[in-house]
Amino acid sequence: MLLDKLQNFHLYLASQSPRRKELLQGMGIHFEILSTHVPEVYPAGLQPEEIVEYLSHLKLSTIQQDKYPDNSIFIACDTIVVLHNQILGKPKSKEEAVTMLQNLSGEEHTVMSGVTVLSPKGFQTAHRNTTVKFRTISDEEIHYYVNQYAPLDKAGAYGVQEWIGYVGIDYIEGSYYNVMGLPTKLLWEMLEKAVQ
């Protein structure tokens, strides 16, 4: 089983996201948090799927593997929300969060996550898409959510596991955990390849 094999490796998560930490712990994986400060800038002209793969790879591109144990595995992820071909990242203010949620209200959008795993075998990068549909959410509800939950650290200005997810989401097609910020099944498959 993968968890038994992973005991022979040192795992590092290159993310400050409490949700990714929680999901990785929920998978039964033991890891350390790795602080990487890489500007999230990507070349013009990339498609959304290419952007999340590029950024997740970028987060691990500066790691000097020789400074870590030989049997180290590094994990990075990047998530964006795409609405009508427009990319919604993390809002810079409460006002921007309100606008994003007003735009998402009543609409179907796509949550995309790119995952990169760096192991002694080299880099693997892949992505997953999940479709999310919000019901029409009132301005009163949007302001309540933004003021109570301050979702400025979340792509698309919402957390599926928070109040707005409970009351506002009509349906999800694909991985729920991807919407939280880490496509866990995809990561599991990538880790299985890394330790083969």
Foldseek 3Di string as FASTA:
>chain_A
DLQVLCVVAAEEEADPDPLVVVVCVVVVDDYYYDHADDPLDDDPPDQPQVSFQVSQVRSCPPDDCVVDDQFYKYKGKDKWKADPSDTFFFDPDLVSLLVLVQSLEQHKIKMKMKMWMQGNVGIDIGMDIKIWHWYHDDSVRSNVCCVVPVQRNGHSNDACPDDCVVPTTPDMGDDPSVSNPDRVVVVSVVSVVRSD
